[in-house]
Amino acid sequence: MLITTSDIIPGKEIKETLGLVQGQVVQSKHIGSDVVAGLKNIVGGEIKGYTDMVNKARKTAIERLVKEAEAKGADAIICFRYGSSTVAPSASEILAYGTAVKLK
């Protein structure tokens, strides 16, 4: 599946817009990550556990986005974006969304 942040695909023509597609995941933090995060707040540096968690959540959200686009018969997703929010003190939402299109 071709995914782009722009509203065009160079060299391709959009035949049909199929509508909004999205993939969402709510991921909770591991208690061990919170302990390491507390220590990192004192000494500074990357909190690898959180970085890994967010990367995994993004990958899952994109997989779900692509699955929804494929179900609509899309060839590509344009205007791709991420969104995120905290839904609980120990859980974050990652939302991947865009517009599913058919190409000529």
Protein backbone atom coordinates (compact mmCIF):
# COMPACT_ATOMS: atom_id res chain seq x y z
CA MET A 1 0.00 0.00 0.00
CA LEU A 2 1.40 3.37 -1.03
CA ILE A 3 1.11 5.89 1.83
CA THR A 4 1.97 9.58 1.47
CA THR A 5 1.53 12.72 3.53
CA SER A 6 0.81 14.78 0.40
CA ASP A 7 -2.51 15.07 -1.43
CA ILE A 8 -0.98 13.94 -4.72
CA ILE A 9 1.17 11.05 -5.87
CA PRO A 10 3.69 12.19 -8.49
CA GLY A 11 3.24 10.26 -11.72
CA LYS A 12 -0.11 8.83 -10.63
CA GLU A 13 -3.65 10.02 -11.15
CA ILE A 14 -6.34 9.57 -8.53
CA LYS A 15 -9.40 7.96 -10.07
CA GLU A 16 -11.64 7.86 -7.00
CA THR A 17 -11.60 9.01 -3.40
CA LEU A 18 -12.87 6.27 -1.10
CA GLY A 19 -12.96 8.26 2.12
CA LEU A 20 -11.32 8.46 5.50
CA VAL A 21 -9.48 5.44 6.85
CA GLN A 22 -7.90 5.06 10.24
CA GLY A 23 -6.02 2.71 12.49
CA GLN A 24 -6.00 3.15 16.23
CA VAL A 25 -4.28 1.55 19.20
CA VAL A 26 -4.30 2.36 22.90
CA GLN A 27 -1.07 1.20 24.49
CA SER A 28 -0.33 1.05 28.21
CA LYS A 29 3.08 1.57 29.76
CA HIS A 30 4.93 -1.29 31.43
CA ILE A 31 5.54 -0.69 35.15
CA GLY A 32 9.27 -1.24 34.57
CA SER A 33 9.25 1.63 32.07
CA ASP A 34 7.84 3.93 34.73
CA VAL A 35 10.67 3.06 37.13
CA VAL A 36 13.30 3.73 34.45
CA ALA A 37 11.49 6.94 33.47
CA GLY A 38 11.71 8.17 37.04
CA LEU A 39 15.46 7.58 37.06
CA LYS A 40 15.90 9.24 33.66
CA ASN A 41 14.11 12.33 34.98
CA ILE A 42 16.96 12.67 37.47
CA VAL A 43 19.94 11.95 35.18
CA GLY A 44 18.43 12.73 31.76
CA GLY A 45 18.49 10.73 28.52
CA GLU A 46 16.20 8.73 26.30
CA ILE A 47 13.58 6.54 27.94
CA LYS A 48 14.04 3.54 25.65
CA GLY A 49 11.04 1.65 27.03
CA TYR A 50 8.72 4.51 26.07
CA THR A 51 10.36 4.91 22.66
CA ASP A 52 9.88 1.20 21.95
CA MET A 53 6.27 1.34 23.15
CA VAL A 54 5.42 4.29 20.88
CA ASN A 55 7.15 2.72 17.87
CA LYS A 56 5.23 -0.52 18.38
CA ALA A 57 1.95 1.40 18.73
CA ARG A 58 2.62 3.37 15.53
CA LYS A 59 3.36 0.16 13.61
CA THR A 60 0.13 -1.42 14.86
CA ALA A 61 -1.89 1.69 13.99
CA ILE A 62 -0.47 1.71 10.43
CA GLU A 63 -1.22 -2.01 10.01
CA ARG A 64 -4.83 -1.35 11.00
CA LEU A 65 -5.01 1.70 8.72
CA VAL A 66 -3.81 -0.36 5.74
CA LYS A 67 -6.25 -3.17 6.55
CA GLU A 68 -9.17 -0.73 6.52
CA ALA A 69 -7.98 0.84 3.25
CA GLU A 70 -7.60 -2.58 1.62
CA ALA A 71 -11.14 -3.49 2.72
CA LYS A 72 -12.36 -0.43 0.78
CA GLY A 73 -10.38 -1.50 -2.30
CA ALA A 74 -7.82 1.31 -2.05
CA ASP A 75 -4.55 1.42 -3.97
CA ALA A 76 -3.07 4.19 -1.83
CA ILE A 77 -3.57 6.45 1.18
CA ILE A 78 -2.99 10.17 0.77
CA CYS A 79 -2.87 12.98 3.36
CA PHE A 80 -1.52 10.54 5.96
CA ARG A 81 -1.18 11.83 9.52
CA TYR A 82 -0.58 10.61 13.07
CA GLY A 83 -2.37 11.80 16.16
CA SER A 84 -1.79 10.91 19.78
CA SER A 85 -3.39 11.53 23.13
CA THR A 86 -3.25 10.34 26.70
CA VAL A 87 -6.41 8.41 27.51
CA ALA A 88 -5.43 7.41 31.06
CA PRO A 89 -2.46 8.14 33.33
CA SER A 90 -0.70 5.04 32.05
CA ALA A 91 -2.09 4.68 28.52
CA SER A 92 -1.66 6.55 25.25
CA GLU A 93 -3.64 6.43 22.02
CA ILE A 94 -1.94 6.49 18.63
CA LEU A 95 -4.18 7.25 15.65
CA ALA A 96 -3.02 6.88 12.05
CA TYR A 97 -5.40 8.34 9.48
CA GLY A 98 -5.64 9.43 5.88
CA THR A 99 -7.75 9.33 2.73
CA ALA A 100 -8.08 6.06 0.83
CA VAL A 101 -7.94 6.42 -2.97
CA LYS A 102 -8.09 4.33 -6.14
CA LEU A 103 -5.47 5.12 -8.76
CA LYS A 104 -5.84 5.07 -12.56
